[in-house]
Amino acid sequence: MAYIGHRCGCGHTDLSHTGDGTTGACHARFGSSCGGKCAPAQPEVITSFDSKGRPIEQITPPGEGLKSQSGAPIVRTCTCDECAALYQQLTGANA
C-alpha cells in the first residue's frame, strides 16, 4: 500500500530514520548517520510496490501499520495533523 509520510531533506522517508523524520538530525535505523542534508519536509504520498514491481494505489491511513507478508504490522505510519489532512484530502475519509 502507498502511505503518507515525510521524506527528509536527505531523500530518505521517515520510515528509514529513527524518530519521526521531520525534526533534527536523521540517522539510519541501525545507528549510523545517513550522511545526507537532513531537514523537515511536508508530507507526501510514498508509493510502495507489489512483488511484481507494480505500484499499489490504496493509501494506508495515518497511524496504521504497513504489514509484512504474514499480516503483522512492521511499522506504523505518521499521525501528525498534516499527514491526516493530506489523507482526508486524497481519500475523503477521516484518518
PDB file of N, CA and C in Angstrom:
ATOM      1  N   MET A   1       0.826  -1.182   0.000  1.00  0.00           N
ATOM      2  CA  MET A   1       0.000   0.000   0.000  1.00  0.00           C
ATOM      3  C   MET A   1       0.870   1.244   0.000  1.00  0.00           C
ATOM      4  N   ALA A   2       0.378   2.272  -0.616  1.00  0.00           N
ATOM      5  CA  ALA A   2       1.039   3.563  -0.500  1.00  0.00           C
ATOM      6  C   ALA A   2       0.750   4.118   0.895  1.00  0.00           C
ATOM      7  N   TYR A   3       1.576   5.002   1.362  1.00  0.00           N
ATOM      8  CA  TYR A   3       1.311   5.628   2.656  1.00  0.00           C
ATOM      9  C   TYR A   3       1.702   7.090   2.591  1.00  0.00           C
ATOM     10  N   ILE A   4       1.197   7.847   3.538  1.00  0.00           N
ATOM     11  CA  ILE A   4       1.530   9.260   3.637  1.00  0.00           C
ATOM     12  C   ILE A   4       2.597   9.398   4.710  1.00  0.00           C
ATOM     13  N   GLY A   5       3.689  10.010   4.342  1.00  0.00           N
ATOM     14  CA  GLY A   5       4.789  10.197   5.283  1.00  0.00           C
ATOM     15  C   GLY A   5       5.613  11.387   4.891  1.00  0.00           C
ATOM     16  N   HIS A   6       6.703  11.576   5.586  1.00  0.00           N
ATOM     17  CA  HIS A   6       7.599  12.702   5.350  1.00  0.00           C
ATOM     18  C   HIS A   6       8.881  12.179   4.719  1.00  0.00           C
ATOM     19  N   ARG A   7       9.294  12.783   3.622  1.00  0.00           N
ATOM     20  CA  ARG A   7      10.598  12.470   3.031  1.00  0.00           C
ATOM     21  C   ARG A   7      11.556  13.536   3.524  1.00  0.00           C
ATOM     22  N   CYS A   8      12.561  13.120   4.241  1.00  0.00           N
ATOM     23  CA  CYS A   8      13.546  14.035   4.808  1.00  0.00           C
ATOM     24  C   CYS A   8      14.282  14.761   3.684  1.00  0.00           C
ATOM     25  N   GLY A   9      14.903  15.874   3.994  1.00  0.00           N
ATOM     26  CA  GLY A   9      15.679  16.608   3.012  1.00  0.00           C
ATOM     27  C   GLY A   9      16.802  15.783   2.403  1.00  0.00           C
ATOM     28  N   CYS A  10      17.228  14.715   3.075  1.00  0.00           N
ATOM     29  CA  CYS A  10      18.284  13.854   2.538  1.00  0.00           C
ATOM     30  C   CYS A  10      17.735  12.877   1.508  1.00  0.00           C
ATOM     31  N   GLY A  11      16.405  12.795   1.410  1.00  0.00           N
ATOM     32  CA  GLY A  11      15.792  11.906   0.426  1.00  0.00           C
ATOM     33  C   GLY A  11      15.206  10.638   1.004  1.00  0.00           C
ATOM     34  N   HIS A  12      15.602  10.260   2.210  1.00  0.00           N
ATOM     35  CA  HIS A  12      15.039   9.062   2.836  1.00  0.00           C
ATOM     36  C   HIS A  12      13.646   9.356   3.382  1.00  0.00           C
ATOM     37  N   THR A  13      12.815   8.331   3.498  1.00  0.00           N
ATOM     38  CA  THR A  13      11.495   8.516   4.095  1.00  0.00           C
ATOM     39  C   THR A  13      11.600   8.485   5.611  1.00  0.00           C
ATOM     40  N   ASP A  14      10.540   8.933   6.275  1.00  0.00           N
ATOM     41  CA  ASP A  14      10.535   8.916   7.737  1.00  0.00           C
ATOM     42  C   ASP A  14      10.640   7.494   8.280  1.00  0.00           C
ATOM     43  N   LEU A  15      10.209   6.503   7.509  1.00  0.00           N
ATOM     44  CA  LEU A  15      10.306   5.124   7.968  1.00  0.00           C
ATOM     45  C   LEU A  15      11.730   4.600   7.899  1.00  0.00           C
ATOM     46  N   SER A  16      12.624   5.320   7.226  1.00  0.00           N
ATOM     47  CA  SER A  16      14.026   4.916   7.125  1.00  0.00           C
ATOM     48  C   SER A  16      14.891   5.547   8.207  1.00  0.00           C
ATOM     49  N   HIS A  17      14.296   6.358   9.061  1.00  0.00           N
ATOM     50  CA  HIS A  17      15.039   7.055  10.099  1.00  0.00           C
ATOM     51  C   HIS A  17      14.459   6.750  11.469  1.00  0.00           C
ATOM     52  N   THR A  18      15.293   6.921  12.488  1.00  0.00           N
ATOM     53  CA  THR A  18      14.775   6.853  13.844  1.00  0.00           C
ATOM     54  C   THR A  18      14.023   8.145  14.115  1.00  0.00           C
ATOM     55  N   GLY A  19      13.195   8.182  15.120  1.00  0.00           N
ATOM     56  CA  GLY A  19      12.410   9.383  15.402  1.00  0.00           C
ATOM     57  C   GLY A  19      11.330   9.553  14.359  1.00  0.00           C
ATOM     58  N   ASP A  20      10.842  10.778  14.201  1.00  0.00           N
ATOM     59  CA  ASP A  20       9.740  10.982  13.262  1.00  0.00           C
ATOM     60  C   ASP A  20      10.186  11.448  11.884  1.00  0.00           C
ATOM     61  N   GLY A  21      11.462  11.692  11.681  1.00  0.00           N
ATOM     62  CA  GLY A  21      11.959  12.077  10.368  1.00  0.00           C
ATOM     63  C   GLY A  21      11.593  13.488   9.957  1.00  0.00           C
ATOM     64  N   THR A  22      11.049  14.282  10.874  1.00  0.00           N
ATOM     65  CA  THR A  22      10.620  15.629  10.499  1.00  0.00           C
ATOM     66  C   THR A  22      11.391  16.721  11.235  1.00  0.00           C
ATOM     67  N   THR A  23      12.139  16.387  12.263  1.00  0.00           N
ATOM     68  CA  THR A  23      12.872  17.403  13.018  1.00  0.00           C
ATOM     69  C   THR A  23      14.264  16.899  13.361  1.00  0.00           C
ATOM     70  N   GLY A  24      15.198  17.807  13.516  1.00  0.00           N
ATOM     71  CA  GLY A  24      16.546  17.468  13.953  1.00  0.00           C
ATOM     72  C   GLY A  24      17.297  16.619  12.947  1.00  0.00           C
ATOM     73  N   ALA A  25      18.406  16.069  13.395  1.00  0.00           N
ATOM     74  CA  ALA A  25      19.233  15.234  12.527  1.00  0.00           C
ATOM     75  C   ALA A  25      18.612  13.849  12.376  1.00  0.00           C
ATOM     76  N   CYS A  26      18.764  13.284  11.221  1.00  0.00           N
ATOM     77  CA  CYS A  26      18.252  11.948  10.959  1.00  0.00           C
ATOM     78  C   CYS A  26      19.404  10.953  10.964  1.00  0.00           C
ATOM     79  N   HIS A  27      19.126   9.796  11.442  1.00  0.00           N
ATOM     80  CA  HIS A  27      20.112   8.714  11.459  1.00  0.00           C
ATOM     81  C   HIS A  27      19.429   7.462  10.946  1.00  0.00           C
ATOM     82  N   ALA A  28      20.155   6.652  10.243  1.00  0.00           N
ATOM     83  CA  ALA A  28      19.612   5.404   9.749  1.00  0.00           C
ATOM     84  C   ALA A  28      19.170   4.552  10.930  1.00  0.00           C
ATOM     85  N   ARG A  29      18.261   3.635  10.705  1.00  0.00           N
ATOM     86  CA  ARG A  29      17.724   2.812  11.786  1.00  0.00           C
ATOM     87  C   ARG A  29      18.792   2.054  12.552  1.00  0.00           C
ATOM     88  N   PHE A  30      19.905   1.739  11.935  1.00  0.00           N
ATOM     89  CA  PHE A  30      20.922   0.950  12.621  1.00  0.00           C
ATOM     90  C   PHE A  30      21.970   1.814  13.307  1.00  0.00           C
ATOM     91  N   GLY A  31      21.693   3.114  13.455  1.00  0.00           N
ATOM     92  CA  GLY A  31      22.511   3.974  14.279  1.00  0.00           C
ATOM     93  C   GLY A  31      23.528   4.836  13.568  1.00  0.00           C
ATOM     94  N   SER A  32      23.898   4.503  12.347  1.00  0.00           N
ATOM     95  CA  SER A  32      24.876   5.330  11.651  1.00  0.00           C
ATOM     96  C   SER A  32      24.182   6.511  10.987  1.00  0.00           C
ATOM     97  N   SER A  33      24.905   7.590  10.791  1.00  0.00           N
ATOM     98  CA  SER A  33      24.334   8.757  10.131  1.00  0.00           C
ATOM     99  C   SER A  33      24.057   8.419   8.678  1.00  0.00           C
ATOM    100  N   CYS A  34      22.968   8.966   8.139  1.00  0.00           N
ATOM    101  CA  CYS A  34      22.666   8.713   6.728  1.00  0.00           C
ATOM    102  C   CYS A  34      23.588   9.511   5.833  1.00  0.00           C
ATOM    103  N   GLY A  35      24.240  10.545   6.364  1.00  0.00           N
ATOM    104  CA  GLY A  35      25.209  11.316   5.606  1.00  0.00           C
ATOM    105  C   GLY A  35      24.614  12.368   4.698  1.00  0.00           C
ATOM    106  N   GLY A  36      23.284  12.488   4.679  1.00  0.00           N
ATOM    107  CA  GLY A  36      22.638  13.463   3.809  1.00  0.00           C
ATOM    108  C   GLY A  36      22.370  14.770   4.519  1.00  0.00           C
ATOM    109  N   LYS A  37      21.841  15.720   3.778  1.00  0.00           N
ATOM    110  CA  LYS A  37      21.444  17.006   4.352  1.00  0.00           C
ATOM    111  C   LYS A  37      20.004  16.876   4.821  1.00  0.00           C
ATOM    112  N   CYS A  38      19.834  16.625   6.095  1.00  0.00           N
ATOM    113  CA  CYS A  38      18.516  16.352   6.650  1.00  0.00           C
ATOM    114  C   CYS A  38      17.803  17.633   7.038  1.00  0.00           C
ATOM    115  N   ALA A  39      16.517  17.690   6.747  1.00  0.00           N
ATOM    116  CA  ALA A  39      15.692  18.842   7.078  1.00  0.00           C
ATOM    117  C   ALA A  39      14.238  18.399   7.076  1.00  0.00           C
ATOM    118  N   PRO A  40      13.393  19.093   7.847  1.00  0.00           N
ATOM    119  CA  PRO A  40      11.973  18.752   7.850  1.00  0.00           C
ATOM    120  C   PRO A  40      11.368  18.879   6.458  1.00  0.00           C
ATOM    121  N   ALA A  41      10.330  18.109   6.213  1.00  0.00           N
ATOM    122  CA  ALA A  41       9.671  18.150   4.905  1.00  0.00           C
ATOM    123  C   ALA A  41       8.166  17.992   5.071  1.00  0.00           C
ATOM    124  N   GLN A  42       7.437  18.471   4.095  1.00  0.00           N
ATOM    125  CA  GLN A  42       5.984  18.327   4.087  1.00  0.00           C
ATOM    126  C   GLN A  42       5.622  16.870   3.792  1.00  0.00           C
ATOM    127  N   PRO A  43       4.450  16.423   4.247  1.00  0.00           N
ATOM    128  CA  PRO A  43       4.059  15.047   3.948  1.00  0.00           C
ATOM    129  C   PRO A  43       3.778  14.853   2.462  1.00  0.00           C
ATOM    130  N   GLU A  44       3.953  13.633   2.013  1.00  0.00           N
ATOM    131  CA  GLU A  44       3.678  13.274   0.626  1.00  0.00           C
ATOM    132  C   GLU A  44       3.205  11.820   0.580  1.00  0.00           C
ATOM    133  N   VAL A  45       2.596  11.448  -0.521  1.00  0.00           N
ATOM    134  CA  VAL A  45       2.225  10.052  -0.724  1.00  0.00           C
ATOM    135  C   VAL A  45       3.469   9.324  -1.197  1.00  0.00           C
ATOM    136  N   ILE A  46       3.832   8.282  -0.481  1.00  0.00           N
ATOM    137  CA  ILE A  46       5.010   7.492  -0.824  1.00  0.00           C
ATOM    138  C   ILE A  46       4.522   6.144  -1.326  1.00  0.00           C
ATOM    139  N   THR A  47       4.807   5.866  -2.569  1.00  0.00           N
ATOM    140  CA  THR A  47       4.302   4.670  -3.225  1.00  0.00           C
ATOM    141  C   THR A  47       5.071   3.439  -2.779  1.00  0.00           C
ATOM    142  N   SER A  48       4.358   2.341  -2.638  1.00  0.00           N
ATOM    143  CA  SER A  48       5.008   1.056  -2.433  1.00  0.00           C
ATOM    144  C   SER A  48       4.605   0.150  -3.592  1.00  0.00           C
ATOM    145  N   PHE A  49       5.280  -0.968  -3.707  1.00  0.00           N
ATOM    146  CA  PHE A  49       5.106  -1.817  -4.867  1.00  0.00           C
ATOM    147  C   PHE A  49       4.853  -3.261  -4.450  1.00  0.00           C
ATOM    148  N   ASP A  50       4.121  -3.995  -5.303  1.00  0.00           N
ATOM    149  CA  ASP A  50       3.909  -5.411  -5.021  1.00  0.00           C
ATOM    150  C   ASP A  50       5.135  -6.208  -5.476  1.00  0.00           C
ATOM    151  N   SER A  51       5.079  -7.513  -5.315  1.00  0.00           N
ATOM    152  CA  SER A  51       6.234  -8.358  -5.618  1.00  0.00           C
ATOM    153  C   SER A  51       6.601  -8.366  -7.103  1.00  0.00           C
ATOM    154  N   LYS A  52       5.705  -7.892  -7.961  1.00  0.00           N
ATOM    155  CA  LYS A  52       5.999  -7.822  -9.391  1.00  0.00           C
ATOM    156  C   LYS A  52       6.388  -6.412  -9.827  1.00  0.00           C
ATOM    157  N   GLY A  53       6.575  -5.501  -8.867  1.00  0.00           N
ATOM    158  CA  GLY A  53       7.015  -4.153  -9.170  1.00  0.00           C
ATOM    159  C   GLY A  53       5.914  -3.197  -9.583  1.00  0.00           C
ATOM    160  N   ARG A  54       4.665  -3.602  -9.415  1.00  0.00           N
ATOM    161  CA  ARG A  54       3.540  -2.722  -9.758  1.00  0.00           C
ATOM    162  C   ARG A  54       3.200  -1.844  -8.565  1.00  0.00           C
ATOM    163  N   PRO A  55       2.934  -0.543  -8.787  1.00  0.00           N
ATOM    164  CA  PRO A  55       2.578   0.335  -7.669  1.00  0.00           C
ATOM    165  C   PRO A  55       1.244  -0.074  -7.056  1.00  0.00           C
ATOM    166  N   ILE A  56       1.160   0.041  -5.737  1.00  0.00           N
ATOM    167  CA  ILE A  56      -0.067  -0.241  -5.007  1.00  0.00           C
ATOM    168  C   ILE A  56      -0.715   1.094  -4.699  1.00  0.00           C
ATOM    169  N   GLU A  57      -1.917   1.303  -5.210  1.00  0.00           N
ATOM    170  CA  GLU A  57      -2.538   2.628  -5.133  1.00  0.00           C
ATOM    171  C   GLU A  57      -3.303   2.890  -3.847  1.00  0.00           C
ATOM    172  N   GLN A  58      -3.760   1.868  -3.148  1.00  0.00           N
ATOM    173  CA  GLN A  58      -4.515   2.089  -1.915  1.00  0.00           C
ATOM    174  C   GLN A  58      -3.607   2.740  -0.876  1.00  0.00           C
ATOM    175  N   ILE A  59      -4.109   3.797  -0.219  1.00  0.00           N
ATOM    176  CA  ILE A  59      -3.309   4.541   0.751  1.00  0.00           C
ATOM    177  C   ILE A  59      -3.604   4.050   2.164  1.00  0.00           C
ATOM    178  N   THR A  60      -2.551   3.711   2.889  1.00  0.00           N
ATOM    179  CA  THR A  60      -2.675   3.287   4.279  1.00  0.00           C
ATOM    180  C   THR A  60      -3.064   4.488   5.134  1.00  0.00           C
ATOM    181  N   PRO A  61      -4.128   4.397   5.938  1.00  0.00           N
ATOM    182  CA  PRO A  61      -4.496   5.525   6.800  1.00  0.00           C
ATOM    183  C   PRO A  61      -3.392   5.851   7.812  1.00  0.00           C
ATOM    184  N   PRO A  62      -3.212   7.131   8.139  1.00  0.00           N
ATOM    185  CA  PRO A  62      -2.214   7.507   9.142  1.00  0.00           C
ATOM    186  C   PRO A  62      -2.433   6.741  10.448  1.00  0.00           C
ATOM    187  N   GLY A  63      -1.345   6.261  11.022  1.00  0.00           N
ATOM    188  CA  GLY A  63      -1.395   5.528  12.278  1.00  0.00           C
ATOM    189  C   GLY A  63      -1.565   4.036  12.122  1.00  0.00           C
ATOM    190  N   GLU A  64      -1.888   3.579  10.925  1.00  0.00           N
ATOM    191  CA  GLU A  64      -1.997   2.144  10.705  1.00  0.00           C
ATOM    192  C   GLU A  64      -0.649   1.596  10.288  1.00  0.00           C
ATOM    193  N   GLY A  65      -0.499   0.295  10.403  1.00  0.00           N
ATOM    194  CA  GLY A  65       0.785  -0.304  10.106  1.00  0.00           C
ATOM    195  C   GLY A  65       0.923  -0.766   8.679  1.00  0.00           C
ATOM    196  N   LEU A  66       2.143  -0.644   8.158  1.00  0.00           N
ATOM    197  CA  LEU A  66       2.488  -1.322   6.923  1.00  0.00           C
ATOM    198  C   LEU A  66       2.731  -2.770   7.317  1.00  0.00           C
ATOM    199  N   LYS A  67       2.127  -3.675   6.609  1.00  0.00           N
ATOM    200  CA  LYS A  67       2.134  -5.066   7.051  1.00  0.00           C
ATOM    201  C   LYS A  67       3.144  -5.915   6.289  1.00  0.00           C
ATOM    202  N   SER A  68       3.665  -6.922   6.987  1.00  0.00           N
ATOM    203  CA  SER A  68       4.548  -7.896   6.353  1.00  0.00           C
ATOM    204  C   SER A  68       3.687  -8.883   5.572  1.00  0.00           C
ATOM    205  N   GLN A  69       4.309  -9.818   4.896  1.00  0.00           N
ATOM    206  CA  GLN A  69       3.556 -10.815   4.142  1.00  0.00           C
ATOM    207  C   GLN A  69       2.669 -11.655   5.055  1.00  0.00           C
ATOM    208  N   SER A  70       3.047 -11.799   6.316  1.00  0.00           N
ATOM    209  CA  SER A  70       2.239 -12.575   7.260  1.00  0.00           C
ATOM    210  C   SER A  70       1.084 -11.769   7.836  1.00  0.00           C
ATOM    211  N   GLY A  71       1.044 -10.456   7.532  1.00  0.00           N
ATOM    212  CA  GLY A  71      -0.033  -9.604   8.025  1.00  0.00           C
ATOM    213  C   GLY A  71       0.286  -8.861   9.305  1.00  0.00           C
ATOM    214  N   ALA A  72       1.452  -9.123   9.902  1.00  0.00           N
ATOM    215  CA  ALA A  72       1.844  -8.428  11.132  1.00  0.00           C
ATOM    216  C   ALA A  72       2.364  -7.038  10.787  1.00  0.00           C
ATOM    217  N   PRO A  73       1.971  -5.994  11.550  1.00  0.00           N
ATOM    218  CA  PRO A  73       2.479  -4.654  11.248  1.00  0.00           C
ATOM    219  C   PRO A  73       3.990  -4.570  11.442  1.00  0.00           C
ATOM    220  N   ILE A  74       4.667  -3.973  10.476  1.00  0.00           N
ATOM    221  CA  ILE A  74       6.117  -3.776  10.570  1.00  0.00           C
ATOM    222  C   ILE A  74       6.389  -2.435  11.228  1.00  0.00           C
ATOM    223  N   VAL A  75       5.738  -1.401  10.746  1.00  0.00           N
ATOM    224  CA  VAL A  75       5.875  -0.042  11.280  1.00  0.00           C
ATOM    225  C   VAL A  75       4.525   0.639  11.221  1.00  0.00           C
ATOM    226  N   ARG A  76       4.379   1.692  11.982  1.00  0.00           N
ATOM    227  CA  ARG A  76       3.153   2.493  11.955  1.00  0.00           C
ATOM    228  C   ARG A  76       3.445   3.796  11.231  1.00  0.00           C
ATOM    229  N   THR A  77       2.486   4.269  10.444  1.00  0.00           N
ATOM    230  CA  THR A  77       2.672   5.497   9.686  1.00  0.00           C
ATOM    231  C   THR A  77       2.413   6.723  10.551  1.00  0.00           C
ATOM    232  N   CYS A  78       2.873   7.865  10.088  1.00  0.00           N
ATOM    233  CA  CYS A  78       2.806   9.129  10.823  1.00  0.00           C
ATOM    234  C   CYS A  78       1.355   9.552  11.075  1.00  0.00           C
ATOM    235  N   THR A  79       1.103  10.087  12.254  1.00  0.00           N
ATOM    236  CA  THR A  79      -0.246  10.532  12.626  1.00  0.00           C
ATOM    237  C   THR A  79      -0.339  12.040  12.819  1.00  0.00           C
ATOM    238  N   CYS A  80       0.658  12.792  12.345  1.00  0.00           N
ATOM    239  CA  CYS A  80       0.617  14.243  12.556  1.00  0.00           C
ATOM    240  C   CYS A  80      -0.583  14.852  11.823  1.00  0.00           C
ATOM    241  N   ASP A  81      -0.953  16.066  12.211  1.00  0.00           N
ATOM    242  CA  ASP A  81      -2.108  16.741  11.619  1.00  0.00           C
ATOM    243  C   ASP A  81      -1.958  16.922  10.109  1.00  0.00           C
ATOM    244  N   GLU A  82      -0.728  17.210   9.648  1.00  0.00           N
ATOM    245  CA  GLU A  82      -0.511  17.422   8.217  1.00  0.00           C
ATOM    246  C   GLU A  82      -0.745  16.143   7.423  1.00  0.00           C
ATOM    247  N   CYS A  83      -0.278  15.016   7.942  1.00  0.00           N
ATOM    248  CA  CYS A  83      -0.488  13.728   7.259  1.00  0.00           C
ATOM    249  C   CYS A  83      -1.974  13.363   7.259  1.00  0.00           C
ATOM    250  N   ALA A  84      -2.652  13.597   8.375  1.00  0.00           N
ATOM    251  CA  ALA A  84      -4.089  13.303   8.451  1.00  0.00           C
ATOM    252  C   ALA A  84      -4.872  14.175   7.473  1.00  0.00           C
ATOM    253  N   ALA A  85      -4.487  15.444   7.349  1.00  0.00           N
ATOM    254  CA  ALA A  85      -5.182  16.352   6.425  1.00  0.00           C
ATOM    255  C   ALA A  85      -4.965  15.930   4.973  1.00  0.00           C
ATOM    256  N   LEU A  86      -3.756  15.521   4.617  1.00  0.00           N
ATOM    257  CA  LEU A  86      -3.488  15.066   3.251  1.00  0.00           C
ATOM    258  C   LEU A  86      -4.264  13.784   2.961  1.00  0.00           C
ATOM    259  N   TYR A  87      -4.324  12.876   3.923  1.00  0.00           N
ATOM    260  CA  TYR A  87      -5.098  11.640   3.754  1.00  0.00           C
ATOM    261  C   TYR A  87      -6.567  11.968   3.488  1.00  0.00           C
ATOM    262  N   GLN A  88      -7.135  12.884   4.274  1.00  0.00           N
ATOM    263  CA  GLN A  88      -8.536  13.269   4.092  1.00  0.00           C
ATOM    264  C   GLN A  88      -8.730  13.932   2.732  1.00  0.00           C
ATOM    265  N   GLN A  89      -7.804  14.780   2.322  1.00  0.00           N
ATOM    266  CA  GLN A  89      -7.903  15.454   1.021  1.00  0.00           C
ATOM    267  C   GLN A  89      -7.889  14.435  -0.122  1.00  0.00           C
ATOM    268  N   LEU A  90      -7.039  13.438  -0.028  1.00  0.00           N
ATOM    269  CA  LEU A  90      -6.888  12.472  -1.117  1.00  0.00           C
ATOM    270  C   LEU A  90      -7.991  11.409  -1.159  1.00  0.00           C
ATOM    271  N   THR A  91      -8.483  11.029   0.015  1.00  0.00           N
ATOM    272  CA  THR A  91      -9.437   9.914   0.068  1.00  0.00           C
ATOM    273  C   THR A  91     -10.842  10.317   0.449  1.00  0.00           C
ATOM    274  N   GLY A  92     -11.003  11.498   1.047  1.00  0.00           N
ATOM    275  CA  GLY A  92     -12.313  11.923   1.529  1.00  0.00           C
ATOM    276  C   GLY A  92     -12.681  11.294   2.864  1.00  0.00           C
ATOM    277  N   ALA A  93     -11.791  10.475   3.419  1.00  0.00           N
ATOM    278  CA  ALA A  93     -12.051   9.788   4.684  1.00  0.00           C
ATOM    279  C   ALA A  93     -11.253  10.451   5.787  1.00  0.00           C
ATOM    280  N   ASN A  94     -11.778  10.399   7.010  1.00  0.00           N
ATOM    281  CA  ASN A  94     -11.037  10.887   8.179  1.00  0.00           C
ATOM    282  C   ASN A  94     -10.024   9.839   8.602  1.00  0.00           C
ATOM    283  N   ALA A  95      -8.856  10.301   9.020  1.00  0.00           N
ATOM    284  CA  ALA A  95      -7.812   9.371   9.476  1.00  0.00           C
ATOM    285  C   ALA A  95      -8.129   8.887  10.860  1.00  0.00           C
TER     286      ALA A  95
END
